[in-house]
Amino acid sequence: MTRDLAQAVMAEEFAAFDAAHRAGNREAAWHALEHAHIVAQPYLGLHLASHWTMLTYALRRRDGREALGQCLRLALVPLGAITGRLPVGNTGRSHVSAFRPMPIPQALLNRMDGKP
């Protein structure tokens, strides 16, 4: 996946997040942010942006546990990028180990491969 494609998919996921947030659908909002995180992982700046957005959303929701988890992940992102140890498919949420690889949902994987 190219950086341009990653940015395009992230833009779609951030738009889905905004729509879900405006509609008050927290589950869909987090789902979109998780997908954006999966796409962003290989790119340091995009990865940081995904966690920053998760942090700001957690703070808006007054979710201290999630906010703390996002602060930790923001600190770990550069280390993961330097060492190349990024857990592919990880959703980036605080209730999941920051080191646990996870399967990428097939529909998202198709989009990451440039398929409709």
Protein backbone atom coordinates (compact mmCIF):
# COMPACT_ATOMS: atom_id res chain seq x y z
CA MET A 1 0.00 0.00 0.00
CA THR A 2 1.34 3.40 -0.93
CA ARG A 3 1.28 6.39 1.39
CA ASP A 4 -1.16 8.14 -0.98
CA LEU A 5 -3.56 5.21 -0.81
CA ALA A 6 -3.19 5.07 2.98
CA GLN A 7 -4.02 8.78 3.19
CA ALA A 8 -7.08 8.31 0.96
CA VAL A 9 -8.41 5.39 3.02
CA MET A 10 -7.70 7.30 6.23
CA ALA A 11 -9.60 10.31 4.89
CA GLU A 12 -12.59 8.06 4.22
CA GLU A 13 -12.38 6.58 7.72
CA PHE A 14 -12.03 10.02 9.33
CA ALA A 15 -15.12 11.15 7.38
CA ALA A 16 -16.98 8.08 8.66
CA PHE A 17 -15.78 8.91 12.17
CA ASP A 18 -17.02 12.51 11.88
CA ALA A 19 -20.44 11.36 10.64
CA ALA A 20 -20.76 8.75 13.40
CA HIS A 21 -19.62 11.21 16.05
CA ARG A 22 -22.15 13.82 14.89
CA ALA A 23 -24.87 11.15 14.96
CA GLY A 24 -23.87 10.13 18.48
CA ASN A 25 -22.91 6.61 17.40
CA ARG A 26 -19.85 5.93 19.58
CA GLU A 27 -19.42 2.34 18.39
CA ALA A 28 -19.28 3.36 14.72
CA ALA A 29 -17.01 6.29 15.56
CA TRP A 30 -14.49 4.04 17.30
CA HIS A 31 -14.78 1.46 14.52
CA ALA A 32 -13.77 4.09 11.94
CA LEU A 33 -10.87 5.27 14.11
CA GLU A 34 -9.68 1.68 14.53
CA HIS A 35 -9.70 1.20 10.76
CA ALA A 36 -7.81 4.46 10.28
CA HIS A 37 -5.22 3.22 12.78
CA ILE A 38 -4.72 -0.08 10.97
CA VAL A 39 -4.15 1.75 7.69
CA ALA A 40 -1.82 4.33 9.29
CA GLN A 41 0.54 1.94 11.08
CA PRO A 42 3.29 1.74 8.43
CA TYR A 43 3.63 5.54 8.23
CA LEU A 44 4.96 7.40 11.27
CA GLY A 45 3.11 10.69 10.72
CA LEU A 46 -0.18 9.03 9.84
CA HIS A 47 0.18 6.61 12.77
CA LEU A 48 0.74 9.50 15.18
CA ALA A 49 -2.28 11.32 13.68
CA SER A 50 -4.50 8.28 14.20
CA HIS A 51 -3.57 8.03 17.89
CA TRP A 52 -3.89 11.79 18.35
CA THR A 53 -7.43 11.64 16.95
CA MET A 54 -8.22 8.70 19.24
CA LEU A 55 -6.85 10.67 22.20
CA THR A 56 -8.91 13.76 21.43
CA TYR A 57 -12.05 11.63 21.00
CA ALA A 58 -11.41 9.83 24.29
CA LEU A 59 -11.00 13.19 26.02
CA ARG A 60 -14.25 14.49 24.49
CA ARG A 61 -15.97 11.33 25.75
CA ARG A 62 -14.35 11.85 29.17
CA ASP A 63 -12.91 8.34 28.92
CA GLY A 64 -9.84 8.55 31.13
CA ARG A 65 -8.76 4.94 30.61
CA GLU A 66 -8.80 5.28 26.84
CA ALA A 67 -7.08 8.68 26.99
CA LEU A 68 -4.29 7.26 29.15
CA GLY A 69 -3.92 4.32 26.77
CA GLN A 70 -3.65 6.69 23.82
CA CYS A 71 -0.97 8.76 25.58
CA LEU A 72 1.04 5.57 26.08
CA ARG A 73 0.58 4.60 22.45
CA LEU A 74 1.62 8.06 21.25
CA ALA A 75 4.86 7.57 23.17
CA LEU A 76 5.39 4.08 21.71
CA VAL A 77 4.73 4.94 18.05
CA PRO A 78 8.20 6.38 17.31
CA LEU A 79 9.89 3.43 19.02
CA GLY A 80 7.82 1.00 16.97
CA ALA A 81 8.68 2.87 13.78
CA ILE A 82 12.42 2.87 14.58
CA THR A 83 12.53 -0.82 15.47
CA GLY A 84 10.04 -1.92 12.81
CA ARG A 85 8.06 -3.75 15.46
CA LEU A 86 4.50 -2.73 14.71
CA PRO A 87 1.74 -5.25 15.43
CA VAL A 88 -0.01 -5.51 12.06
CA GLY A 89 -3.78 -5.18 12.25
CA ASN A 90 -3.79 -3.90 15.84
CA THR A 91 -6.79 -1.61 16.35
CA GLY A 92 -4.87 0.85 18.55
CA ARG A 93 -7.41 0.90 21.38
CA SER A 94 -6.48 0.80 25.05
CA HIS A 95 -8.40 -2.43 25.72
CA VAL A 96 -6.05 -4.29 23.33
CA SER A 97 -2.36 -4.89 24.04
CA ALA A 98 -0.25 -2.40 22.09
CA PHE A 99 1.95 -5.33 21.03
CA ARG A 100 -0.73 -7.76 19.80
CA PRO A 101 -1.00 -8.41 16.06
CA MET A 102 -4.59 -8.86 14.89
CA PRO A 103 -6.24 -9.94 11.64
CA ILE A 104 -7.13 -7.12 9.29
CA PRO A 105 -10.84 -7.18 8.33
CA GLN A 106 -11.15 -8.40 4.73
CA ALA A 107 -13.12 -5.37 3.51
CA LEU A 108 -10.43 -3.03 4.88
CA LEU A 109 -7.68 -5.22 3.46
CA ASN A 110 -9.32 -4.95 0.02
CA ARG A 111 -9.36 -1.16 0.31
CA MET A 112 -5.72 -1.18 1.39
CA ASP A 113 -4.94 -3.20 -1.74
CA GLY A 114 -6.73 -0.61 -3.88
CA LYS A 115 -9.74 -2.83 -4.60
CA PRO A 116 -13.27 -1.42 -4.46
